[in-house]
PDB file of all heavy atoms in Angstrom:
ATOM      1  N   LEU A   1     126.586 166.392 -18.710  1.00  0.00           N
ATOM      2  CA  LEU A   1     127.387 166.846 -19.855  1.00  0.00           C
ATOM      3  C   LEU A   1     128.405 165.806 -20.309  1.00  0.00           C
ATOM      4  O   LEU A   1     129.085 165.989 -21.303  1.00  0.00           O
ATOM      5  CB  LEU A   1     128.121 168.148 -19.501  1.00  0.00           C
ATOM      6  CG  LEU A   1     127.252 169.379 -19.316  1.00  0.00           C
ATOM      7  CD1 LEU A   1     128.072 170.531 -18.747  1.00  0.00           C
ATOM      8  CD2 LEU A   1     126.623 169.770 -20.649  1.00  0.00           C
ATOM      9  N   GLY A   2     128.532 164.725 -19.518  1.00  0.00           N
ATOM     10  CA  GLY A   2     129.465 163.665 -19.884  1.00  0.00           C
ATOM     11  C   GLY A   2     130.686 163.549 -18.989  1.00  0.00           C
ATOM     12  O   GLY A   2     131.545 162.702 -19.217  1.00  0.00           O
ATOM     13  N   VAL A   3     130.776 164.386 -17.991  1.00  0.00           N
ATOM     14  CA  VAL A   3     131.904 164.317 -17.068  1.00  0.00           C
ATOM     15  C   VAL A   3     131.736 163.072 -16.201  1.00  0.00           C
ATOM     16  O   VAL A   3     130.680 162.854 -15.617  1.00  0.00           O
ATOM     17  CB  VAL A   3     131.979 165.587 -16.187  1.00  0.00           C
ATOM     18  CG1 VAL A   3     133.068 165.463 -15.133  1.00  0.00           C
ATOM     19  CG2 VAL A   3     132.198 166.822 -17.053  1.00  0.00           C
ATOM     20  N   THR A   4     132.776 162.249 -16.138  1.00  0.00           N
ATOM     21  CA  THR A   4     132.698 161.023 -15.342  1.00  0.00           C
ATOM     22  C   THR A   4     133.644 161.030 -14.150  1.00  0.00           C
ATOM     23  O   THR A   4     133.542 160.159 -13.293  1.00  0.00           O
ATOM     24  CB  THR A   4     133.000 159.790 -16.211  1.00  0.00           C
ATOM     25  OG1 THR A   4     134.310 159.930 -16.776  1.00  0.00           O
ATOM     26  CG2 THR A   4     131.954 159.636 -17.315  1.00  0.00           C
ATOM     27  N   THR A   5     134.560 161.965 -14.106  1.00  0.00           N
ATOM     28  CA  THR A   5     135.502 162.060 -12.995  1.00  0.00           C
ATOM     29  C   THR A   5     135.545 163.501 -12.510  1.00  0.00           C
ATOM     30  O   THR A   5     135.724 164.419 -13.315  1.00  0.00           O
ATOM     31  CB  THR A   5     136.914 161.623 -13.428  1.00  0.00           C
ATOM     32  OG1 THR A   5     136.843 160.303 -13.963  1.00  0.00           O
ATOM     33  CG2 THR A   5     137.867 161.639 -12.252  1.00  0.00           C
ATOM     34  N   LEU A   6     135.368 163.682 -11.226  1.00  0.00           N
ATOM     35  CA  LEU A   6     135.398 165.016 -10.632  1.00  0.00           C
ATOM     36  C   LEU A   6     136.381 165.022  -9.469  1.00  0.00           C
ATOM     37  O   LEU A   6     136.461 164.048  -8.716  1.00  0.00           O
ATOM     38  CB  LEU A   6     134.015 165.404 -10.105  1.00  0.00           C
ATOM     39  CG  LEU A   6     132.924 165.529 -11.153  1.00  0.00           C
ATOM     40  CD1 LEU A   6     131.558 165.401 -10.515  1.00  0.00           C
ATOM     41  CD2 LEU A   6     133.063 166.854 -11.874  1.00  0.00           C
ATOM     42  N   LEU A   7     137.116 166.094  -9.322  1.00  0.00           N
ATOM     43  CA  LEU A   7     137.986 166.283  -8.173  1.00  0.00           C
ATOM     44  C   LEU A   7     137.307 167.307  -7.281  1.00  0.00           C
ATOM     45  O   LEU A   7     137.084 168.446  -7.701  1.00  0.00           O
ATOM     46  CB  LEU A   7     139.362 166.803  -8.605  1.00  0.00           C
ATOM     47  CG  LEU A   7     140.287 167.296  -7.501  1.00  0.00           C
ATOM     48  CD1 LEU A   7     140.645 166.152  -6.558  1.00  0.00           C
ATOM     49  CD2 LEU A   7     141.526 167.920  -8.083  1.00  0.00           C
ATOM     50  N   ILE A   8     136.924 166.884  -6.097  1.00  0.00           N
ATOM     51  CA  ILE A   8     136.331 167.824  -5.157  1.00  0.00           C
ATOM     52  C   ILE A   8     137.196 167.843  -3.912  1.00  0.00           C
ATOM     53  O   ILE A   8     137.630 166.803  -3.413  1.00  0.00           O
ATOM     54  CB  ILE A   8     134.862 167.479  -4.814  1.00  0.00           C
ATOM     55  CG1 ILE A   8     134.732 166.068  -4.262  1.00  0.00           C
ATOM     56  CG2 ILE A   8     133.961 167.671  -6.019  1.00  0.00           C
ATOM     57  CD1 ILE A   8     133.356 165.734  -3.730  1.00  0.00           C
ATOM     58  N   ARG A   9     137.488 169.018  -3.459  1.00  0.00           N
ATOM     59  CA  ARG A   9     138.261 169.180  -2.235  1.00  0.00           C
ATOM     60  C   ARG A   9     137.947 170.544  -1.669  1.00  0.00           C
ATOM     61  O   ARG A   9     137.396 171.404  -2.342  1.00  0.00           O
ATOM     62  CB  ARG A   9     139.750 169.015  -2.470  1.00  0.00           C
ATOM     63  CG  ARG A   9     140.366 170.154  -3.276  1.00  0.00           C
ATOM     64  CD  ARG A   9     141.859 169.967  -3.378  1.00  0.00           C
ATOM     65  NE  ARG A   9     142.491 171.128  -3.959  1.00  0.00           N
ATOM     66  CZ  ARG A   9     143.016 172.130  -3.252  1.00  0.00           C
ATOM     67  NH1 ARG A   9     142.995 172.105  -1.955  1.00  0.00           N
ATOM     68  NH2 ARG A   9     143.559 173.159  -3.850  1.00  0.00           N
ATOM     69  N   GLY A  10     138.305 170.739  -0.440  1.00  0.00           N
ATOM     70  CA  GLY A  10     138.059 172.015   0.205  1.00  0.00           C
ATOM     71  C   GLY A  10     139.352 172.604   0.726  1.00  0.00           C
ATOM     72  O   GLY A  10     140.442 172.163   0.361  1.00  0.00           O
ATOM     73  N   PHE A  11     139.221 173.572   1.576  1.00  0.00           N
ATOM     74  CA  PHE A  11     140.399 174.225   2.130  1.00  0.00           C
ATOM     75  C   PHE A  11     140.886 173.546   3.404  1.00  0.00           C
ATOM     76  O   PHE A  11     141.985 173.796   3.860  1.00  0.00           O
ATOM     77  CB  PHE A  11     140.107 175.707   2.384  1.00  0.00           C
ATOM     78  CG  PHE A  11     139.873 176.453   1.104  1.00  0.00           C
ATOM     79  CD1 PHE A  11     138.599 176.814   0.724  1.00  0.00           C
ATOM     80  CD2 PHE A  11     140.923 176.755   0.259  1.00  0.00           C
ATOM     81  CE1 PHE A  11     138.375 177.476  -0.467  1.00  0.00           C
ATOM     82  CE2 PHE A  11     140.720 177.412  -0.927  1.00  0.00           C
ATOM     83  CZ  PHE A  11     139.436 177.776  -1.299  1.00  0.00           C
ATOM     84  N   ASP A  12     140.070 172.698   3.979  1.00  0.00           N
ATOM     85  CA  ASP A  12     140.441 171.889   5.145  1.00  0.00           C
ATOM     86  C   ASP A  12     140.250 170.435   4.710  1.00  0.00           C
ATOM     87  O   ASP A  12     139.195 169.843   4.947  1.00  0.00           O
ATOM     88  CB  ASP A  12     139.558 172.238   6.337  1.00  0.00           C
ATOM     89  CG  ASP A  12     139.931 171.501   7.597  1.00  0.00           C
ATOM     90  OD1 ASP A  12     140.801 170.602   7.535  1.00  0.00           O
ATOM     91  OD2 ASP A  12     139.354 171.814   8.649  1.00  0.00           O
ATOM     92  N   PRO A  13     141.248 169.848   4.046  1.00  0.00           N
ATOM     93  CA  PRO A  13     141.047 168.573   3.349  1.00  0.00           C
ATOM     94  C   PRO A  13     140.444 167.450   4.194  1.00  0.00           C
ATOM     95  O   PRO A  13     139.520 166.780   3.734  1.00  0.00           O
ATOM     96  CB  PRO A  13     142.451 168.209   2.866  1.00  0.00           C
ATOM     97  CG  PRO A  13     143.137 169.525   2.712  1.00  0.00           C
ATOM     98  CD  PRO A  13     142.596 170.378   3.827  1.00  0.00           C
ATOM     99  N   LEU A  14     140.926 167.218   5.398  1.00  0.00           N
ATOM    100  CA  LEU A  14     140.388 166.113   6.190  1.00  0.00           C
ATOM    101  C   LEU A  14     138.934 166.370   6.579  1.00  0.00           C
ATOM    102  O   LEU A  14     138.060 165.532   6.341  1.00  0.00           O
ATOM    103  CB  LEU A  14     141.236 165.869   7.435  1.00  0.00           C
ATOM    104  CG  LEU A  14     140.725 164.752   8.352  1.00  0.00           C
ATOM    105  CD1 LEU A  14     140.644 163.429   7.613  1.00  0.00           C
ATOM    106  CD2 LEU A  14     141.602 164.644   9.582  1.00  0.00           C
ATOM    107  N   HIS A  15     138.677 167.521   7.159  1.00  0.00           N
ATOM    108  CA  HIS A  15     137.311 167.867   7.565  1.00  0.00           C
ATOM    109  C   HIS A  15     136.362 167.847   6.371  1.00  0.00           C
ATOM    110  O   HIS A  15     135.263 167.289   6.440  1.00  0.00           O
ATOM    111  CB  HIS A  15     137.294 169.241   8.245  1.00  0.00           C
ATOM    112  CG  HIS A  15     135.918 169.754   8.505  1.00  0.00           C
ATOM    113  ND1 HIS A  15     135.135 169.292   9.532  1.00  0.00           N
ATOM    114  CD2 HIS A  15     135.166 170.665   7.840  1.00  0.00           C
ATOM    115  CE1 HIS A  15     133.973 169.907   9.508  1.00  0.00           C
ATOM    116  NE2 HIS A  15     133.963 170.745   8.487  1.00  0.00           N
ATOM    117  N   ASP A  16     136.794 168.459   5.273  1.00  0.00           N
ATOM    118  CA  ASP A  16     135.926 168.529   4.101  1.00  0.00           C
ATOM    119  C   ASP A  16     135.675 167.152   3.510  1.00  0.00           C
ATOM    120  O   ASP A  16     134.552 166.851   3.086  1.00  0.00           O
ATOM    121  CB  ASP A  16     136.515 169.472   3.056  1.00  0.00           C
ATOM    122  CG  ASP A  16     136.527 170.909   3.536  1.00  0.00           C
ATOM    123  OD1 ASP A  16     135.693 171.265   4.393  1.00  0.00           O
ATOM    124  OD2 ASP A  16     137.378 171.689   3.060  1.00  0.00           O
ATOM    125  N   ALA A  17     136.682 166.284   3.471  1.00  0.00           N
ATOM    126  CA  ALA A  17     136.485 164.932   2.945  1.00  0.00           C
ATOM    127  C   ALA A  17     135.453 164.179   3.780  1.00  0.00           C
ATOM    128  O   ALA A  17     134.599 163.469   3.237  1.00  0.00           O
ATOM    129  CB  ALA A  17     137.808 164.175   2.918  1.00  0.00           C
ATOM    130  N   ILE A  18     135.515 164.348   5.090  1.00  0.00           N
ATOM    131  CA  ILE A  18     134.541 163.701   5.966  1.00  0.00           C
ATOM    132  C   ILE A  18     133.141 164.230   5.680  1.00  0.00           C
ATOM    133  O   ILE A  18     132.188 163.467   5.520  1.00  0.00           O
ATOM    134  CB  ILE A  18     134.924 163.905   7.442  1.00  0.00           C
ATOM    135  CG1 ILE A  18     136.209 163.126   7.755  1.00  0.00           C
ATOM    136  CG2 ILE A  18     133.791 163.495   8.374  1.00  0.00           C
ATOM    137  CD1 ILE A  18     136.851 163.493   9.078  1.00  0.00           C
ATOM    138  N   GLU A  19     133.004 165.542   5.590  1.00  0.00           N
ATOM    139  CA  GLU A  19     131.697 166.138   5.316  1.00  0.00           C
ATOM    140  C   GLU A  19     131.168 165.734   3.942  1.00  0.00           C
ATOM    141  O   GLU A  19     129.990 165.426   3.794  1.00  0.00           O
ATOM    142  CB  GLU A  19     131.769 167.664   5.424  1.00  0.00           C
ATOM    143  CG  GLU A  19     131.945 168.160   6.845  1.00  0.00           C
ATOM    144  CD  GLU A  19     130.805 167.745   7.749  1.00  0.00           C
ATOM    145  OE1 GLU A  19     129.630 167.931   7.370  1.00  0.00           O
ATOM    146  OE2 GLU A  19     131.091 167.214   8.838  1.00  0.00           O
ATOM    147  N   TYR A  20     132.032 165.723   2.937  1.00  0.00           N
ATOM    148  CA  TYR A  20     131.588 165.313   1.595  1.00  0.00           C
ATOM    149  C   TYR A  20     131.105 163.874   1.625  1.00  0.00           C
ATOM    150  O   TYR A  20     130.117 163.534   0.985  1.00  0.00           O
ATOM    151  CB  TYR A  20     132.714 165.439   0.566  1.00  0.00           C
ATOM    152  CG  TYR A  20     133.227 166.839   0.336  1.00  0.00           C
ATOM    153  CD1 TYR A  20     134.500 167.050  -0.188  1.00  0.00           C
ATOM    154  CD2 TYR A  20     132.469 167.958   0.643  1.00  0.00           C
ATOM    155  CE1 TYR A  20     134.988 168.322  -0.410  1.00  0.00           C
ATOM    156  CE2 TYR A  20     132.951 169.230   0.426  1.00  0.00           C
ATOM    157  CZ  TYR A  20     134.213 169.405  -0.102  1.00  0.00           C
ATOM    158  OH  TYR A  20     134.695 170.651  -0.318  1.00  0.00           O
ATOM    159  N   GLY A  21     131.817 163.027   2.374  1.00  0.00           N
ATOM    160  CA  GLY A  21     131.426 161.625   2.468  1.00  0.00           C
ATOM    161  C   GLY A  21     130.111 161.414   3.184  1.00  0.00           C
ATOM    162  O   GLY A  21     129.377 160.473   2.898  1.00  0.00           O
ATOM    163  N   ARG A  22     129.800 162.291   4.106  1.00  0.00           N
ATOM    164  CA  ARG A  22     128.535 162.180   4.847  1.00  0.00           C
ATOM    165  C   ARG A  22     127.351 162.703   4.066  1.00  0.00           C
ATOM    166  O   ARG A  22     126.258 162.155   4.155  1.00  0.00           O
ATOM    167  CB  ARG A  22     128.634 162.970   6.157  1.00  0.00           C
ATOM    168  CG  ARG A  22     129.459 162.309   7.195  1.00  0.00           C
ATOM    169  CD  ARG A  22     129.411 163.101   8.486  1.00  0.00           C
ATOM    170  NE  ARG A  22     130.323 162.512   9.447  1.00  0.00           N
ATOM    171  CZ  ARG A  22     130.980 163.188  10.362  1.00  0.00           C
ATOM    172  NH1 ARG A  22     130.818 164.499  10.465  1.00  0.00           N
ATOM    173  NH2 ARG A  22     131.789 162.580  11.186  1.00  0.00           N
ATOM    174  N   GLU A  23     127.541 163.803   3.364  1.00  0.00           N
ATOM    175  CA  GLU A  23     126.402 164.476   2.736  1.00  0.00           C
ATOM    176  C   GLU A  23     126.454 164.509   1.219  1.00  0.00           C
ATOM    177  O   GLU A  23     125.550 164.021   0.560  1.00  0.00           O
ATOM    178  CB  GLU A  23     126.304 165.909   3.258  1.00  0.00           C
ATOM    179  CG  GLU A  23     126.001 166.025   4.731  1.00  0.00           C
ATOM    180  CD  GLU A  23     125.799 167.463   5.139  1.00  0.00           C
ATOM    181  OE1 GLU A  23     124.812 168.057   4.668  1.00  0.00           O
ATOM    182  OE2 GLU A  23     126.623 167.986   5.909  1.00  0.00           O
ATOM    183  N   LEU A  24     127.491 165.095   0.670  1.00  0.00           N
ATOM    184  CA  LEU A  24     127.530 165.396  -0.760  1.00  0.00           C
ATOM    185  C   LEU A  24     127.641 164.146  -1.629  1.00  0.00           C
ATOM    186  O   LEU A  24     126.840 163.955  -2.555  1.00  0.00           O
ATOM    187  CB  LEU A  24     128.687 166.354  -1.055  1.00  0.00           C
ATOM    188  CG  LEU A  24     128.868 166.763  -2.502  1.00  0.00           C
ATOM    189  CD1 LEU A  24     127.646 167.501  -3.011  1.00  0.00           C
ATOM    190  CD2 LEU A  24     130.123 167.611  -2.645  1.00  0.00           C
ATOM    191  N   ILE A  25     128.594 163.310  -1.366  1.00  0.00           N
ATOM    192  CA  ILE A  25     128.825 162.147  -2.222  1.00  0.00           C
ATOM    193  C   ILE A  25     127.620 161.204  -2.237  1.00  0.00           C
ATOM    194  O   ILE A  25     127.221 160.749  -3.325  1.00  0.00           O
ATOM    195  CB  ILE A  25     130.140 161.443  -1.846  1.00  0.00           C
ATOM    196  CG1 ILE A  25     131.307 162.375  -2.199  1.00  0.00           C
ATOM    197  CG2 ILE A  25     130.269 160.095  -2.554  1.00  0.00           C
ATOM    198  CD1 ILE A  25     132.656 161.930  -1.698  1.00  0.00           C
ATOM    199  N   PRO A  26     126.990 160.904  -1.091  1.00  0.00           N
ATOM    200  CA  PRO A  26     125.789 160.061  -1.169  1.00  0.00           C
ATOM    201  C   PRO A  26     124.674 160.667  -2.029  1.00  0.00           C
ATOM    202  O   PRO A  26     123.990 159.940  -2.753  1.00  0.00           O
ATOM    203  CB  PRO A  26     125.352 159.926   0.293  1.00  0.00           C
ATOM    204  CG  PRO A  26     126.607 160.115   1.084  1.00  0.00           C
ATOM    205  CD  PRO A  26     127.386 161.140   0.308  1.00  0.00           C
ATOM    206  N   LEU A  27     124.497 161.974  -1.966  1.00  0.00           N
ATOM    207  CA  LEU A  27     123.487 162.628  -2.807  1.00  0.00           C
ATOM    208  C   LEU A  27     123.792 162.431  -4.285  1.00  0.00           C
ATOM    209  O   LEU A  27     122.911 162.106  -5.087  1.00  0.00           O
ATOM    210  CB  LEU A  27     123.414 164.122  -2.493  1.00  0.00           C
ATOM    211  CG  LEU A  27     122.832 164.539  -1.160  1.00  0.00           C
ATOM    212  CD1 LEU A  27     123.099 166.027  -0.899  1.00  0.00           C
ATOM    213  CD2 LEU A  27     121.340 164.264  -1.122  1.00  0.00           C
TER     214      LEU A  27
END
């Protein structure tokens, strides 16, 4: 749709950032 910047975070910021970096962001 044209979005170039996204803010993603969870309720456990450190744990979620690690998980996003392992799985979500590479995808």
